[in-house]
Structures are given as C-alpha cells and as structure tokens.
Amino acid sequence: MLVRFTDAMKRRPSESVEDLLLRALQKAERPVGSDREALQTSFCANAPDQFSCAINNLFGLNIAWDVNLRPLEAFLAHQFQSQPLATCTHTVVDFNYDLILDRTAQKVASHAAPLECLWHPSTGYGFEIGWYVYSGESGGSAEEAQAHPLALKPHGNLVILKPHGSLNWIACHDENHKGFDPNKPLFLALKDLTDGGVDYWHPRSQECLNIVYRGPAGSGQFCAAHGSIFLIPPTPPAKTEKTSPTFLRKLREAEKAAIKEADEIFVIGWSMPVTDQDQICTIRHCVAEREKPLESLTVINRGERPEYFERVADTFGVTRSALRIFNDGFSDYVEHCTA
C-alpha cells in the first residue's frame, strides 16, 4: 500500500504548500449551501492549524534526517572567530521552523565564546520565555504536560529571530480557538534543562496540548491552558490571525533594529517567495531608515537566475554590482571563505 501511495504521489503535478494553503483559505470564505459544504469549509478554515501539526509531526517523530551540519558549523565558527561574540553582535533571522540552526548555533557558540556570552533559549529568541515543558512529557489519553518556571539567562551577543515561528514554541489558544491568547505565556519545549537544549515537541496523539502551570506569584493557584506549536504558515498575514502576541511584536522589533544597524548582512538560501511580502516590505522600510549604508551584502544561493539577484539588490536598496554573489551553493561558499 505504501509503495502504491508513493507512486501515486510521484505522478501528481508539483504544488507549493503556499498555493495549497491559499486555495484552502479562499474556499473557507465562500458561502455555505449544504451540510457537506459546511464540513469541507470547516476543514479548509483549519488548514493553517493542520499545516502546523503536519510540520511538527514531520520533525518530531524521530526520523533519521540525513543532514550534513559541517558546512553550517564551519560557517558559524568562522563568523564567531572573525567577529568575536565577546565584542560583536550576531543576529540570525531564520525563516525555517526546524531547530537545525538553533542547535548548531548553540553548540558552536559554546566553543567560541566565554560563559557569559553563551546563547540560551530563555532570552536568545529576541524575547523572554519564562516557562518550559519537557519535550516528551505527556500523560492520560490526551497530550498534557506540567509546565515549569524557566530561569532567564543572558543570551550574550547571539540572537536567533524566527518571525515565522518555531517547532519548540508552544502558544496558548484564545477562548474561540481561532488565534493565540496574548495574555498567556509562551512555553518552550526543552530536552535537557541543564544546558538549555532545545527540542521538538514529540506528539503522541493530538495536535494540541493541555498545559498546567502556576498562576501569578503568591496566588497559590494553578492555571490550565490549551496550546499548540506556534507557526505562521506561508499565507497572507491577514489570513492567519497569529500576528498579535506580545512576544511576536518584540521579535519583529528586534528584527527591524538588526536590519537598520547591521554592518554586514548575509542572505543565505532565501528564495524571496511571493507569500513573504511582509518580510520583503519590512526589509525595504528598514534599509530606507538606515543612518549609514551597508558595508557588505553577501548573497549565497545555488543556480539562481540573474533576476533573483536584481530582486535582492532592489529589496535591500543597493545596486546589483554592490552584491557579493556566490551562486554555487552554501557548501562551496564555506569552503571558499574558510580556506
């Protein structure tokens, strides 16, 4: 059966997840005529949550991903050596949901910086996260977990900003289950508290999680929250209703400040999709407000057309000739810069 399913999927024409989600949301806005149409519309309206659950399952089910981390480790080590973490600020804007960069940066920084400069997830994402759950903890017939206070530790001069969300962030739903409650805390999935090791939430049965945590200090009360992995699917921002939490606003302000103040920017593997207009507009506005021009803008990709680099230059407000272009892949770039 699995072989037949795989063959059937291979014969289907390719479709981007952005197009699929956008079409589902458009269907959800159409008038409902019958009970069957109402059911289909309900599924379409939940497409962003289903997307988040599917992505989390993909990474959280202990699949043996064959990822070569050596180029990323070498790149980060080179950056931290040439621009020491003790004196220079490194801000990484990561549009991916997975934890590959988080884990690798945490590992490399631990070898490249003094203790007071180490990255820690309680503050290293651009905002403070004061609660955590153990990544594999659950009980009963539903997914549930006991949340614990997380001591805030300095993140040094390394910040990882994830404006599209992350697979180790668990946010609380509002009463209508149509968005996230800005008045409730964000929870962090951790594998090991001693070193702040970030981890995926490993789902067992449901896409949502029942969380129990202590109320305000001195109240002696316990609170319960219903939450799920916080991702912002690649759909127009107006369609997601997930752009209001305080932590996300702080993250975006940190991203804007980094773009305005950076001396050097690397654009690595970002395809600049049409659905990312929010980020493209943010970059345009921030570079327009810079007090001084960028010293260096390096664009690293693989086999991109010349029009792509024209778009990058236009978005960052520089001429095409001002770009440092490496179009043979990230691995080749790392070999070049570390030779």
Protein backbone atom coordinates (compact mmCIF):
# COMPACT_ATOMS: atom_id res chain seq x y z
CA MET A 1 0.00 0.00 0.00
CA LEU A 2 2.82 2.40 0.89
CA VAL A 3 4.56 1.72 -2.43
CA ARG A 4 1.33 2.37 -4.36
CA PHE A 5 0.76 5.61 -2.43
CA THR A 6 4.33 6.75 -3.12
CA ASP A 7 3.96 6.02 -6.83
CA ALA A 8 0.65 7.89 -6.96
CA MET A 9 2.17 10.94 -5.28
CA LYS A 10 5.10 10.93 -7.71
CA ARG A 11 2.67 11.09 -10.65
CA ARG A 12 0.88 14.14 -9.24
CA PRO A 13 1.97 17.54 -10.57
CA SER A 14 4.06 19.53 -8.10
CA GLU A 15 2.21 22.08 -5.97
CA SER A 16 3.68 24.53 -3.48
CA VAL A 17 2.35 24.48 0.07
CA GLU A 18 1.73 28.23 -0.24
CA ASP A 19 -0.68 27.68 -3.16
CA LEU A 20 -2.46 24.82 -1.38
CA LEU A 21 -2.99 26.83 1.81
CA LEU A 22 -4.12 29.93 -0.05
CA ARG A 23 -6.66 27.91 -2.06
CA ALA A 24 -7.97 26.27 1.14
CA LEU A 25 -8.44 29.63 2.83
CA GLN A 26 -10.22 31.04 -0.22
CA LYS A 27 -12.65 28.09 -0.13
CA ALA A 28 -13.32 28.78 3.55
CA GLU A 29 -14.56 32.28 2.65
CA ARG A 30 -17.18 31.04 0.16
CA PRO A 31 -20.89 30.89 1.18
CA VAL A 32 -22.01 27.54 2.59
CA GLY A 33 -25.03 25.86 0.97
CA SER A 34 -25.20 22.31 2.33
CA ASP A 35 -24.02 20.33 5.36
CA ARG A 36 -21.38 18.67 3.19
CA GLU A 37 -20.11 22.06 2.04
CA ALA A 38 -20.09 23.26 5.65
CA LEU A 39 -17.90 20.32 6.64
CA GLN A 40 -15.49 20.98 3.77
CA THR A 41 -15.37 24.67 4.69
CA SER A 42 -14.59 23.78 8.31
CA PHE A 43 -11.62 21.68 7.23
CA CYS A 44 -10.40 24.45 4.92
CA ALA A 45 -10.61 27.08 7.66
CA ASN A 46 -8.44 24.87 9.89
CA ALA A 47 -5.80 24.44 7.19
CA PRO A 48 -3.18 26.60 8.98
CA ASP A 49 -3.50 24.53 12.18
CA GLN A 50 -3.39 21.29 10.19
CA PHE A 51 -0.30 22.59 8.41
CA SER A 52 1.43 23.33 11.73
CA CYS A 53 0.54 19.88 13.08
CA ALA A 54 1.82 18.14 9.95
CA ILE A 55 5.13 20.03 10.01
CA ASN A 56 5.62 19.25 13.69
CA ASN A 57 4.87 15.55 13.12
CA LEU A 58 7.38 15.50 10.29
CA PHE A 59 10.22 16.72 12.51
CA GLY A 60 9.06 15.34 15.87
CA LEU A 61 8.79 11.66 15.01
CA ASN A 62 12.49 10.85 15.40
CA ILE A 63 13.10 10.48 11.68
CA ALA A 64 16.76 9.92 10.91
CA TRP A 65 17.29 13.07 8.86
CA ASP A 66 20.48 12.87 6.83
CA VAL A 67 21.66 16.45 7.32
CA ASN A 68 25.29 17.40 6.82
CA LEU A 69 25.87 20.03 9.50
CA ARG A 70 29.58 20.53 8.83
CA PRO A 71 29.18 23.48 6.41
CA LEU A 72 26.88 25.31 8.84
CA GLU A 73 29.18 24.59 11.78
CA ALA A 74 32.21 25.81 9.81
CA PHE A 75 30.40 28.96 8.68
CA LEU A 76 29.29 29.90 12.19
CA ALA A 77 32.70 29.11 13.67
CA HIS A 78 34.32 31.34 11.05
CA GLN A 79 31.88 34.18 11.79
CA PHE A 80 32.35 33.91 15.56
CA GLN A 81 36.12 33.83 15.15
CA SER A 82 36.40 36.75 12.72
CA GLN A 83 33.80 38.77 14.66
CA PRO A 84 34.17 37.55 18.28
CA LEU A 85 30.97 37.06 20.25
CA ALA A 86 32.54 38.84 23.20
CA THR A 87 32.57 42.14 21.29
CA CYS A 88 30.28 41.76 18.24
CA THR A 89 26.55 41.16 17.95
CA HIS A 90 25.39 38.39 15.62
CA THR A 91 21.68 38.35 14.73
CA VAL A 92 20.30 35.46 12.68
CA VAL A 93 16.85 35.82 11.09
CA ASP A 94 15.70 32.27 10.42
CA PHE A 95 12.57 31.73 8.29
CA ASN A 96 12.63 27.96 8.88
CA TYR A 97 10.53 26.23 11.53
CA ASP A 98 13.01 23.47 12.39
CA LEU A 99 15.73 23.59 15.06
CA ILE A 100 18.77 22.83 12.91
CA LEU A 101 20.15 26.36 13.17
CA ASP A 102 19.20 26.77 16.84
CA ARG A 103 21.01 23.62 17.91
CA THR A 104 24.04 24.19 15.71
CA ALA A 105 24.46 27.83 16.77
CA GLN A 106 24.14 26.87 20.43
CA LYS A 107 26.78 24.16 20.01
CA VAL A 108 29.26 26.29 18.04
CA ALA A 109 28.85 29.31 20.34
CA SER A 110 29.62 27.14 23.36
CA HIS A 111 33.10 26.52 21.92
CA ALA A 112 33.69 30.05 20.66
CA ALA A 113 32.69 32.34 23.50
CA PRO A 114 33.17 32.80 27.24
CA LEU A 115 30.42 31.53 29.52
CA GLU A 116 28.76 34.93 29.86
CA CYS A 117 28.29 35.09 26.06
CA LEU A 118 26.61 31.72 25.52
CA TRP A 119 23.26 31.57 23.73
CA HIS A 120 20.29 30.48 25.83
CA PRO A 121 16.72 29.95 24.56
CA SER A 122 15.11 31.70 27.55
CA THR A 123 16.23 35.05 26.09
CA GLY A 124 18.02 34.20 22.84
CA TYR A 125 14.97 34.38 20.57
CA GLY A 126 14.57 38.13 20.94
CA PHE A 127 12.14 37.97 23.87
CA GLU A 128 11.90 36.29 27.27
CA ILE A 129 10.41 32.81 27.71
CA GLY A 130 9.79 32.07 31.38
CA TRP A 131 8.20 28.60 31.14
CA TYR A 132 9.17 25.24 29.71
CA VAL A 133 7.82 21.72 29.27
CA TYR A 134 9.89 18.60 28.78
CA SER A 135 9.66 17.72 25.11
CA GLY A 136 8.43 14.15 25.58
CA GLU A 137 6.24 14.61 28.64
CA SER A 138 2.59 13.59 28.35
CA GLY A 139 0.01 11.64 30.28
CA GLY A 140 -3.50 10.20 30.13
CA SER A 141 -5.42 9.86 26.91
CA ALA A 142 -4.69 13.41 25.77
CA GLU A 143 -1.48 15.31 25.30
CA GLU A 144 -0.85 17.12 28.58
CA ALA A 145 2.17 18.46 30.37
CA GLN A 146 3.23 20.14 33.57
CA ALA A 147 4.95 23.45 32.83
CA HIS A 148 7.86 24.60 34.97
CA PRO A 149 9.37 28.05 35.55
CA LEU A 150 12.44 28.69 33.41
CA ALA A 151 15.22 30.82 34.85
CA LEU A 152 16.16 33.61 32.43
CA LYS A 153 19.79 33.55 31.35
CA PRO A 154 21.68 36.10 29.24
CA HIS A 155 21.96 35.25 25.54
CA GLY A 156 25.21 37.14 25.06
CA ASN A 157 25.69 38.72 21.65
CA LEU A 158 23.98 35.97 19.66
CA VAL A 159 20.26 36.34 18.86
CA ILE A 160 18.15 33.97 16.74
CA LEU A 161 14.95 35.56 15.44
CA LYS A 162 12.27 33.30 13.92
CA PRO A 163 9.46 35.52 12.54
CA HIS A 164 7.59 32.51 11.12
CA GLY A 165 7.53 30.68 14.46
CA SER A 166 9.40 27.65 15.72
CA LEU A 167 8.71 23.97 16.40
CA ASN A 168 9.76 24.35 20.04
CA TRP A 169 7.37 27.22 20.86
CA ILE A 170 4.01 26.29 22.37
CA ALA A 171 1.46 29.12 22.49
CA CYS A 172 -1.93 29.21 24.24
CA HIS A 173 -5.15 29.40 22.26
CA ASP A 174 -7.78 32.04 22.86
CA GLU A 175 -11.30 31.10 24.01
CA ASN A 176 -12.63 30.69 20.47
CA HIS A 177 -9.64 28.62 19.38
CA LYS A 178 -9.21 30.96 16.40
CA GLY A 179 -5.93 32.52 17.43
CA PHE A 180 -3.49 32.76 20.32
CA ASP A 181 -4.10 34.42 23.68
CA PRO A 182 -1.66 37.34 24.12
CA ASN A 183 -2.29 37.32 27.89
CA LYS A 184 -0.99 33.81 28.48
CA PRO A 185 2.66 32.77 28.47
CA LEU A 186 4.61 31.08 25.71
CA PHE A 187 6.14 27.72 26.62
CA LEU A 188 9.43 26.29 25.43
CA ALA A 189 9.99 22.60 24.67
CA LEU A 190 13.29 21.52 26.23
CA LYS A 191 15.10 18.21 26.16
CA ASP A 192 17.53 18.99 28.95
CA LEU A 193 17.22 21.84 31.42
CA THR A 194 20.87 21.78 32.47
CA ASP A 195 22.19 23.08 29.14
CA GLY A 196 19.01 24.61 27.75
CA GLY A 197 18.94 22.03 24.95
CA VAL A 198 16.09 22.94 22.61
CA ASP A 199 13.95 20.12 21.27
CA TYR A 200 10.88 19.39 19.17
CA TRP A 201 7.61 18.68 20.90
CA HIS A 202 7.15 14.95 20.28
CA PRO A 203 3.42 14.43 19.57
CA ARG A 204 1.72 11.22 20.65
CA SER A 205 -1.94 11.58 19.78
CA GLN A 206 -3.20 15.13 19.33
CA GLU A 207 -2.13 18.33 17.64
CA CYS A 208 -2.96 20.34 20.78
CA LEU A 209 -1.58 20.19 24.30
CA ASN A 210 -3.15 20.70 27.73
CA ILE A 211 -0.68 22.62 29.90
CA VAL A 212 -0.85 23.10 33.67
CA TYR A 213 1.24 25.87 35.22
CA ARG A 214 1.34 28.01 38.36
CA GLY A 215 -0.57 31.27 38.43
CA PRO A 216 0.84 34.67 39.40
CA ALA A 217 3.47 34.66 42.13
CA GLY A 218 1.93 34.39 45.60
CA SER A 219 -1.51 33.35 44.32
CA GLY A 220 -1.00 29.67 45.10
CA GLN A 221 -3.20 28.84 42.12
CA PHE A 222 -2.66 26.58 39.16
CA CYS A 223 -3.73 27.59 35.67
CA ALA A 224 -4.63 25.41 32.72
CA ALA A 225 -4.08 26.33 29.10
CA HIS A 226 -4.79 24.74 25.76
CA GLY A 227 -1.98 25.30 23.30
CA SER A 228 -0.17 24.11 20.21
CA ILE A 229 3.03 24.64 18.28
CA PHE A 230 3.31 28.28 17.20
CA LEU A 231 3.93 28.53 13.46
CA ILE A 232 2.88 31.18 10.98
CA PRO A 233 2.08 29.30 7.76
CA PRO A 234 3.14 30.84 4.45
CA THR A 235 -0.16 32.62 3.82
CA PRO A 236 -1.01 36.35 3.76
CA PRO A 237 -0.73 37.75 7.32
CA ALA A 238 -4.38 38.85 7.34
CA LYS A 239 -5.43 35.22 6.95
CA THR A 240 -3.58 33.79 9.93
CA GLU A 241 -4.75 35.88 12.91
CA LYS A 242 -1.49 34.92 14.63
CA THR A 243 0.37 38.18 14.44
CA SER A 244 -0.75 39.82 17.71
CA PRO A 245 1.09 38.12 20.62
CA THR A 246 3.43 40.42 22.51
CA PHE A 247 6.42 38.13 22.04
CA LEU A 248 5.99 38.25 18.25
CA ARG A 249 5.89 42.04 18.26
CA LYS A 250 9.11 42.12 20.31
CA LEU A 251 10.73 39.69 17.89
CA ARG A 252 9.79 41.84 14.90
CA GLU A 253 11.08 44.98 16.56
CA ALA A 254 14.39 43.22 17.19
CA GLU A 255 14.50 42.16 13.55
CA LYS A 256 13.90 45.73 12.36
CA ALA A 257 16.59 47.08 14.66
CA ALA A 258 19.08 44.48 13.38
CA ILE A 259 18.45 45.41 9.74
CA LYS A 260 18.79 49.11 10.49
CA GLU A 261 22.02 48.74 12.47
CA ALA A 262 23.90 45.86 10.81
CA ASP A 263 27.29 46.49 9.22
CA GLU A 264 27.19 43.25 7.23
CA ILE A 265 24.29 41.09 6.03
CA PHE A 266 24.29 37.56 4.60
CA VAL A 267 21.29 36.31 2.60
CA ILE A 268 21.61 32.53 2.59
CA GLY A 269 19.25 30.37 0.54
CA TRP A 270 16.25 32.69 0.89
CA SER A 271 14.10 32.35 -2.24
CA MET A 272 12.11 35.53 -1.51
CA PRO A 273 8.72 33.85 -2.21
CA VAL A 274 5.72 35.95 -3.18
CA THR A 275 3.99 34.92 0.05
CA ASP A 276 6.78 36.58 2.04
CA GLN A 277 5.77 40.11 1.07
CA ASP A 278 5.54 41.03 4.74
CA GLN A 279 9.26 40.35 5.19
CA ILE A 280 10.20 42.00 1.90
CA CYS A 281 8.32 45.17 2.89
CA THR A 282 9.93 45.12 6.34
CA ILE A 283 13.41 44.99 4.81
CA ARG A 284 12.61 47.80 2.37
CA HIS A 285 11.36 50.09 5.14
CA CYS A 286 14.27 49.34 7.45
CA VAL A 287 17.03 49.91 4.89
CA ALA A 288 15.34 53.18 3.93
CA GLU A 289 15.65 54.30 7.57
CA ARG A 290 19.32 53.35 7.97
CA GLU A 291 21.62 56.17 9.01
CA LYS A 292 24.54 54.74 7.01
CA PRO A 293 24.84 52.37 4.04
CA LEU A 294 25.59 48.67 4.46
CA GLU A 295 29.28 47.84 4.41
CA SER A 296 28.69 44.42 2.85
CA LEU A 297 25.77 42.40 1.45
CA THR A 298 26.60 38.78 0.59
CA VAL A 299 24.03 36.62 -1.25
CA ILE A 300 24.54 32.85 -1.18
CA ASN A 301 22.35 30.54 -3.22
CA ARG A 302 22.57 27.83 -5.84
CA GLY A 303 21.78 28.14 -9.54
CA GLU A 304 19.57 31.22 -9.22
CA ARG A 305 18.73 33.33 -12.26
CA PRO A 306 20.08 36.89 -12.63
CA GLU A 307 16.60 38.30 -11.94
CA TYR A 308 16.76 36.88 -8.41
CA PHE A 309 19.83 38.91 -7.56
CA GLU A 310 18.21 42.00 -9.06
CA ARG A 311 15.30 41.50 -6.66
CA VAL A 312 17.64 41.10 -3.68
CA ALA A 313 19.54 44.25 -4.60
CA ASP A 314 16.31 46.21 -5.06
CA THR A 315 14.87 44.98 -1.75
CA PHE A 316 18.00 45.96 0.20
CA GLY A 317 18.31 49.31 -1.60
CA VAL A 318 21.67 48.70 -3.26
CA THR A 319 22.89 48.33 -6.82
CA ARG A 320 23.36 44.89 -8.36
CA SER A 321 27.11 45.49 -8.56
CA ALA A 322 27.27 46.06 -4.79
CA LEU A 323 26.30 42.44 -4.06
CA ARG A 324 28.88 39.78 -3.22
CA ILE A 325 27.33 36.81 -5.03
CA PHE A 326 28.06 33.11 -4.50
CA ASN A 327 25.72 31.04 -6.70
CA ASP A 328 27.34 27.60 -6.41
CA GLY A 329 25.77 26.59 -3.11
CA PHE A 330 26.38 27.13 0.58
CA SER A 331 28.97 24.34 0.93
CA ASP A 332 31.14 25.80 -1.81
CA TYR A 333 30.91 29.24 -0.22
CA VAL A 334 32.01 27.85 3.16
CA GLU A 335 34.99 26.13 1.56
CA HIS A 336 35.90 29.43 -0.12
CA CYS A 337 35.66 31.62 2.97
CA THR A 338 37.37 29.19 5.33
CA ALA A 339 40.22 28.17 3.00
